[in-house]
């Protein structure tokens, strides 16, 4: 098994500081043991669709949730979201947008494209940690996903 099989959480985040805060918050809640981090939208889609450097990933190993930043180089979170929600094999993967933007147009566009949630990144680590823990607990523990 490679290190990216059986992933529960795919974190698509270009900022290493935000990624580290997210990972720390998930670890604090004991939810990060099956997490994989990619640094932009291109890597995110390659991971999900098992192509490029992730061609060896088994497509049967479904992701339980994607935590997606919006403002990234190469391919934006909007583009990633649109691509995921247009394919039958990936449209049911929950996507929570986590971004510093609280602009109404970004929120509306994210939901229009099929986001399952939208969280503006809080400034303080404690507030951010609480938000991440709540997201992880809901989507990984309480949410019931359809059978594969």
Foldseek 3Di string as FASTA:
>chain_A
DDLQFLAAEEEAAQDPVVVVLLLVLCVVLVNNPRYDYDRHLVVVVCCQVCDDVRVVYDNVRDYLEYEAEADHPPAGSLRSLLVQCVDPSRNQRAYEYEYQDPDPVVVVSSVVSPHPYYHHQDDDSVVNSVVSSVVSCCRPPPDDGDDD
